[in-house]
Amino acid sequence: MAVITKYVVVRNGVELDREFLVKKEAEAYDKMLDAAENLAAYIKDAGLEIDLDGEVIDALSVFLAKNGPEVTRILKGLKPTVPSVRTPGEEKKGDAAAAPAKKKAPAAKAKPKGK
């Protein structure tokens, strides 16, 4: 018999339907949900001149929270590192632009000849 530990995130007394095998992943998901909840409250209380449905605000908040590092780069005035919009079914391609640059090993210095 195998024993498997599973982690679930409980929010407002409700157990979410996602299960994690790694505690760190469950905690990261919970942290992302906290950020999304804070973003949704901020948007709802912002007094925007447009009327947004609650479901749209929630979906937008989760999207922004999931992509926090990219959103932060954009807010700092930097270009995003990945395309912001992918069509459904589009596979991630391992092109050279997306791959991190490899560092070249420093050239060996010639030793000066002794006198």
N, C-alpha and C. Protein backbone atom coordinates (compact mmCIF):
# COMPACT_ATOMS: atom_id res chain seq x y z
N MET A 1 0.85 -1.17 0.00
CA MET A 1 0.00 0.00 0.00
C MET A 1 0.90 1.23 0.00
N ALA A 2 0.54 2.21 -0.85
CA ALA A 2 1.30 3.45 -0.95
C ALA A 2 0.58 4.56 -0.20
N VAL A 3 1.35 5.39 0.44
CA VAL A 3 0.81 6.55 1.14
C VAL A 3 1.23 7.79 0.37
N ILE A 4 0.25 8.60 -0.02
CA ILE A 4 0.53 9.81 -0.79
C ILE A 4 -0.01 11.00 -0.01
N THR A 5 0.85 11.98 0.16
CA THR A 5 0.44 13.22 0.83
C THR A 5 -0.01 14.20 -0.25
N LYS A 6 -1.20 14.75 -0.06
CA LYS A 6 -1.73 15.75 -1.00
C LYS A 6 -2.05 17.01 -0.22
N TYR A 7 -1.78 18.14 -0.86
CA TYR A 7 -2.05 19.43 -0.24
C TYR A 7 -3.18 20.10 -1.00
N VAL A 8 -4.12 20.66 -0.27
CA VAL A 8 -5.22 21.40 -0.87
C VAL A 8 -5.25 22.78 -0.23
N VAL A 9 -5.75 23.74 -0.99
CA VAL A 9 -5.88 25.11 -0.50
C VAL A 9 -7.32 25.30 -0.05
N VAL A 10 -7.48 25.80 1.16
CA VAL A 10 -8.80 26.08 1.70
C VAL A 10 -8.94 27.59 1.82
N ARG A 11 -9.98 28.14 1.19
CA ARG A 11 -10.22 29.58 1.23
C ARG A 11 -11.64 29.82 1.73
N ASN A 12 -11.75 30.63 2.75
CA ASN A 12 -13.05 30.96 3.34
C ASN A 12 -13.82 29.70 3.74
N GLY A 13 -13.12 28.73 4.25
CA GLY A 13 -13.74 27.49 4.71
C GLY A 13 -14.11 26.53 3.60
N VAL A 14 -13.77 26.86 2.36
CA VAL A 14 -14.11 26.00 1.23
C VAL A 14 -12.82 25.41 0.66
N GLU A 15 -12.83 24.09 0.52
CA GLU A 15 -11.68 23.39 -0.04
C GLU A 15 -11.73 23.52 -1.56
N LEU A 16 -10.66 24.05 -2.15
CA LEU A 16 -10.61 24.21 -3.60
C LEU A 16 -10.36 22.87 -4.27
N ASP A 17 -10.75 22.79 -5.53
CA ASP A 17 -10.67 21.50 -6.22
C ASP A 17 -9.29 21.17 -6.78
N ARG A 18 -8.30 22.01 -6.58
CA ARG A 18 -6.93 21.68 -7.01
C ARG A 18 -6.19 20.99 -5.88
N GLU A 19 -5.45 19.96 -6.23
CA GLU A 19 -4.62 19.25 -5.26
C GLU A 19 -3.17 19.36 -5.70
N PHE A 20 -2.28 19.43 -4.73
CA PHE A 20 -0.86 19.55 -5.00
C PHE A 20 -0.11 18.45 -4.28
N LEU A 21 0.94 17.95 -4.90
CA LEU A 21 1.77 16.94 -4.27
C LEU A 21 2.95 17.58 -3.54
N VAL A 22 3.20 18.85 -3.84
CA VAL A 22 4.32 19.57 -3.24
C VAL A 22 3.77 20.76 -2.45
N LYS A 23 4.14 20.84 -1.19
CA LYS A 23 3.63 21.90 -0.31
C LYS A 23 3.99 23.29 -0.84
N LYS A 24 5.18 23.45 -1.38
CA LYS A 24 5.63 24.73 -1.89
C LYS A 24 4.73 25.22 -3.03
N GLU A 25 4.29 24.31 -3.89
CA GLU A 25 3.39 24.67 -4.99
C GLU A 25 2.02 25.10 -4.46
N ALA A 26 1.52 24.42 -3.44
CA ALA A 26 0.24 24.78 -2.84
C ALA A 26 0.33 26.16 -2.19
N GLU A 27 1.43 26.45 -1.53
CA GLU A 27 1.61 27.75 -0.90
C GLU A 27 1.72 28.86 -1.95
N ALA A 28 2.40 28.59 -3.06
CA ALA A 28 2.52 29.57 -4.14
C ALA A 28 1.15 29.85 -4.76
N TYR A 29 0.35 28.81 -4.91
CA TYR A 29 -1.01 28.98 -5.45
C TYR A 29 -1.85 29.81 -4.49
N ASP A 30 -1.75 29.54 -3.20
CA ASP A 30 -2.49 30.30 -2.20
C ASP A 30 -2.06 31.77 -2.21
N LYS A 31 -0.77 32.01 -2.35
CA LYS A 31 -0.25 33.37 -2.40
C LYS A 31 -0.78 34.10 -3.64
N MET A 32 -0.83 33.39 -4.78
CA MET A 32 -1.36 33.98 -6.00
C MET A 32 -2.84 34.33 -5.83
N LEU A 33 -3.60 33.46 -5.16
CA LEU A 33 -5.01 33.74 -4.92
C LEU A 33 -5.18 34.95 -3.99
N ASP A 34 -4.30 35.09 -3.01
CA ASP A 34 -4.34 36.28 -2.14
C ASP A 34 -4.12 37.55 -2.95
N ALA A 35 -3.13 37.51 -3.84
CA ALA A 35 -2.85 38.68 -4.69
C ALA A 35 -4.04 38.99 -5.59
N ALA A 36 -4.64 37.95 -6.16
CA ALA A 36 -5.80 38.15 -7.03
C ALA A 36 -6.97 38.76 -6.25
N GLU A 37 -7.16 38.31 -5.04
CA GLU A 37 -8.24 38.83 -4.20
C GLU A 37 -8.00 40.32 -3.89
N ASN A 38 -6.75 40.68 -3.60
CA ASN A 38 -6.42 42.08 -3.33
C ASN A 38 -6.57 42.94 -4.58
N LEU A 39 -6.17 42.40 -5.72
CA LEU A 39 -6.34 43.13 -6.98
C LEU A 39 -7.82 43.36 -7.30
N ALA A 40 -8.64 42.34 -7.10
CA ALA A 40 -10.07 42.46 -7.37
C ALA A 40 -10.69 43.53 -6.49
N ALA A 41 -10.34 43.53 -5.22
CA ALA A 41 -10.87 44.56 -4.30
C ALA A 41 -10.42 45.94 -4.73
N TYR A 42 -9.17 46.06 -5.16
CA TYR A 42 -8.64 47.36 -5.60
C TYR A 42 -9.39 47.85 -6.83
N ILE A 43 -9.62 46.97 -7.80
CA ILE A 43 -10.33 47.36 -9.02
C ILE A 43 -11.77 47.73 -8.71
N LYS A 44 -12.43 46.95 -7.85
CA LYS A 44 -13.83 47.24 -7.51
C LYS A 44 -13.99 48.55 -6.77
N ASP A 45 -13.00 48.91 -5.95
CA ASP A 45 -13.07 50.14 -5.16
C ASP A 45 -12.44 51.34 -5.87
N ALA A 46 -11.96 51.15 -7.09
CA ALA A 46 -11.21 52.20 -7.79
C ALA A 46 -12.11 53.32 -8.32
N GLY A 47 -13.39 53.08 -8.41
CA GLY A 47 -14.28 54.11 -8.94
C GLY A 47 -14.07 54.35 -10.43
N LEU A 48 -13.87 53.28 -11.17
CA LEU A 48 -13.69 53.39 -12.62
C LEU A 48 -14.95 53.93 -13.27
N GLU A 49 -14.78 54.61 -14.38
CA GLU A 49 -15.91 55.17 -15.09
C GLU A 49 -16.57 54.16 -16.02
N ILE A 50 -16.11 52.92 -15.98
CA ILE A 50 -16.73 51.86 -16.77
C ILE A 50 -17.30 50.82 -15.80
N ASP A 51 -18.33 50.15 -16.25
CA ASP A 51 -18.97 49.15 -15.41
C ASP A 51 -18.45 47.77 -15.81
N LEU A 52 -17.75 47.13 -14.89
CA LEU A 52 -17.22 45.79 -15.14
C LEU A 52 -17.99 44.77 -14.31
N ASP A 53 -18.30 43.66 -14.93
CA ASP A 53 -18.96 42.55 -14.25
C ASP A 53 -17.99 41.96 -13.22
N GLY A 54 -18.51 41.48 -12.11
CA GLY A 54 -17.68 40.88 -11.06
C GLY A 54 -16.85 39.71 -11.56
N GLU A 55 -17.43 38.90 -12.46
CA GLU A 55 -16.69 37.75 -13.01
C GLU A 55 -15.52 38.22 -13.86
N VAL A 56 -15.70 39.31 -14.60
CA VAL A 56 -14.63 39.85 -15.42
C VAL A 56 -13.51 40.37 -14.54
N ILE A 57 -13.86 41.06 -13.48
CA ILE A 57 -12.86 41.57 -12.54
C ILE A 57 -12.10 40.42 -11.91
N ASP A 58 -12.80 39.37 -11.49
CA ASP A 58 -12.14 38.22 -10.88
C ASP A 58 -11.19 37.53 -11.86
N ALA A 59 -11.65 37.33 -13.10
CA ALA A 59 -10.81 36.68 -14.11
C ALA A 59 -9.58 37.53 -14.42
N LEU A 60 -9.78 38.83 -14.54
CA LEU A 60 -8.66 39.74 -14.81
C LEU A 60 -7.68 39.75 -13.65
N SER A 61 -8.19 39.74 -12.44
CA SER A 61 -7.33 39.74 -11.25
C SER A 61 -6.49 38.48 -11.16
N VAL A 62 -7.09 37.33 -11.45
CA VAL A 62 -6.35 36.07 -11.43
C VAL A 62 -5.28 36.07 -12.52
N PHE A 63 -5.63 36.57 -13.70
CA PHE A 63 -4.65 36.64 -14.79
C PHE A 63 -3.46 37.51 -14.40
N LEU A 64 -3.73 38.69 -13.83
CA LEU A 64 -2.66 39.59 -13.43
C LEU A 64 -1.80 38.97 -12.33
N ALA A 65 -2.44 38.30 -11.37
CA ALA A 65 -1.71 37.68 -10.27
C ALA A 65 -0.83 36.52 -10.77
N LYS A 66 -1.35 35.72 -11.70
CA LYS A 66 -0.58 34.60 -12.24
C LYS A 66 0.64 35.09 -13.02
N ASN A 67 0.52 36.26 -13.61
CA ASN A 67 1.58 36.81 -14.43
C ASN A 67 2.26 37.99 -13.75
N GLY A 68 2.34 37.94 -12.42
CA GLY A 68 2.89 39.03 -11.63
C GLY A 68 4.26 39.52 -12.06
N PRO A 69 5.24 38.62 -12.29
CA PRO A 69 6.56 39.10 -12.71
C PRO A 69 6.53 39.88 -14.02
N GLU A 70 5.74 39.43 -14.97
CA GLU A 70 5.64 40.14 -16.24
C GLU A 70 4.92 41.47 -16.07
N VAL A 71 3.87 41.49 -15.25
CA VAL A 71 3.14 42.74 -14.99
C VAL A 71 4.07 43.75 -14.32
N THR A 72 4.88 43.29 -13.40
CA THR A 72 5.83 44.16 -12.72
C THR A 72 6.82 44.75 -13.72
N ARG A 73 7.33 43.92 -14.64
CA ARG A 73 8.25 44.42 -15.67
C ARG A 73 7.59 45.50 -16.50
N ILE A 74 6.35 45.28 -16.90
CA ILE A 74 5.63 46.24 -17.73
C ILE A 74 5.42 47.55 -16.97
N LEU A 75 5.04 47.45 -15.69
CA LEU A 75 4.81 48.66 -14.89
C LEU A 75 6.11 49.43 -14.65
N LYS A 76 7.24 48.75 -14.70
CA LYS A 76 8.54 49.42 -14.55
C LYS A 76 9.00 50.02 -15.87
N GLY A 77 8.22 49.84 -16.93
CA GLY A 77 8.58 50.40 -18.23
C GLY A 77 9.45 49.50 -19.07
N LEU A 78 9.56 48.24 -18.67
CA LEU A 78 10.36 47.28 -19.44
C LEU A 78 9.45 46.48 -20.36
N LYS A 79 10.03 45.96 -21.41
CA LYS A 79 9.26 45.11 -22.32
C LYS A 79 9.05 43.75 -21.67
N PRO A 80 7.89 43.13 -21.90
CA PRO A 80 7.67 41.77 -21.36
C PRO A 80 8.62 40.79 -22.04
N THR A 81 8.97 39.74 -21.32
CA THR A 81 9.90 38.75 -21.87
C THR A 81 9.21 37.71 -22.74
N VAL A 82 7.91 37.56 -22.58
CA VAL A 82 7.16 36.61 -23.40
C VAL A 82 5.97 37.34 -24.01
N PRO A 83 5.47 36.87 -25.15
CA PRO A 83 4.28 37.50 -25.72
C PRO A 83 3.13 37.45 -24.73
N SER A 84 2.39 38.55 -24.63
CA SER A 84 1.32 38.62 -23.65
C SER A 84 0.08 37.85 -24.08
N VAL A 85 -0.11 37.61 -25.38
CA VAL A 85 -1.30 36.92 -25.85
C VAL A 85 -0.89 35.71 -26.66
N ARG A 86 -1.41 34.57 -26.30
CA ARG A 86 -1.19 33.33 -27.05
C ARG A 86 -2.55 32.82 -27.51
N THR A 87 -2.60 32.36 -28.72
CA THR A 87 -3.85 31.80 -29.20
C THR A 87 -4.04 30.42 -28.60
N PRO A 88 -5.29 29.99 -28.38
CA PRO A 88 -5.53 28.66 -27.80
C PRO A 88 -4.90 27.59 -28.68
N GLY A 89 -4.22 26.66 -28.04
CA GLY A 89 -3.60 25.56 -28.75
C GLY A 89 -2.22 25.87 -29.26
N GLU A 90 -1.77 27.12 -29.12
CA GLU A 90 -0.44 27.48 -29.58
C GLU A 90 0.59 26.87 -28.65
N GLU A 91 1.57 26.19 -29.21
CA GLU A 91 2.59 25.55 -28.39
C GLU A 91 3.74 26.51 -28.19
N LYS A 92 4.37 26.37 -27.04
CA LYS A 92 5.56 27.17 -26.79
C LYS A 92 6.68 26.62 -27.65
N LYS A 93 7.29 27.49 -28.40
CA LYS A 93 8.38 27.06 -29.28
C LYS A 93 9.70 27.43 -28.65
N GLY A 94 10.67 26.59 -28.77
CA GLY A 94 11.98 26.83 -28.20
C GLY A 94 12.85 27.65 -29.13
N ASP A 95 12.40 28.87 -29.45
CA ASP A 95 13.20 29.70 -30.34
C ASP A 95 14.34 30.37 -29.58
N ALA A 96 15.27 30.89 -30.34
CA ALA A 96 16.48 31.47 -29.74
C ALA A 96 16.15 32.72 -28.94
N ALA A 97 15.12 33.48 -29.33
CA ALA A 97 14.79 34.71 -28.62
C ALA A 97 14.29 34.42 -27.22
N ALA A 98 13.58 33.32 -27.04
CA ALA A 98 13.01 33.01 -25.73
C ALA A 98 14.02 32.31 -24.83
N ALA A 99 15.01 31.67 -25.43
CA ALA A 99 15.99 30.92 -24.64
C ALA A 99 16.96 31.89 -23.98
N PRO A 100 17.35 31.61 -22.74
CA PRO A 100 18.32 32.49 -22.09
C PRO A 100 19.67 32.39 -22.77
N ALA A 101 20.35 33.51 -22.79
CA ALA A 101 21.66 33.55 -23.44
C ALA A 101 22.66 32.74 -22.62
N LYS A 102 23.46 31.97 -23.32
CA LYS A 102 24.49 31.18 -22.64
C LYS A 102 25.73 32.03 -22.47
N LYS A 103 26.33 31.93 -21.31
CA LYS A 103 27.55 32.67 -21.06
C LYS A 103 28.72 31.91 -21.64
N LYS A 104 29.62 32.68 -22.27
CA LYS A 104 30.82 32.06 -22.80
C LYS A 104 31.85 31.97 -21.69
N ALA A 105 32.59 30.91 -21.72
CA ALA A 105 33.65 30.74 -20.73
C ALA A 105 34.74 31.76 -21.03
N PRO A 106 35.30 32.38 -19.99
CA PRO A 106 36.35 33.36 -20.25
C PRO A 106 37.56 32.69 -20.88
N ALA A 107 38.18 33.43 -21.79
CA ALA A 107 39.36 32.90 -22.48
C ALA A 107 40.50 32.76 -21.49
N ALA A 108 41.25 31.69 -21.64
CA ALA A 108 42.38 31.47 -20.74
C ALA A 108 43.46 32.50 -21.03
N LYS A 109 43.97 33.11 -20.00
CA LYS A 109 45.02 34.12 -20.16
C LYS A 109 46.35 33.40 -20.30
N ALA A 110 47.15 33.95 -21.20
CA ALA A 110 48.49 33.39 -21.40
C ALA A 110 49.36 33.80 -20.22
N LYS A 111 50.08 32.84 -19.68
CA LYS A 111 50.96 33.14 -18.55
C LYS A 111 52.23 33.79 -19.09
N PRO A 112 52.66 34.88 -18.44
CA PRO A 112 53.90 35.50 -18.90
C PRO A 112 55.07 34.55 -18.63
N LYS A 113 56.00 34.55 -19.56
CA LYS A 113 57.15 33.68 -19.43
C LYS A 113 58.10 34.26 -18.38
N GLY A 114 58.65 33.38 -17.58
CA GLY A 114 59.55 33.80 -16.50
C GLY A 114 60.88 34.30 -17.03
N LYS A 115 61.58 35.13 -16.27
CA LYS A 115 62.87 35.71 -16.67
C LYS A 115 63.99 34.79 -16.39
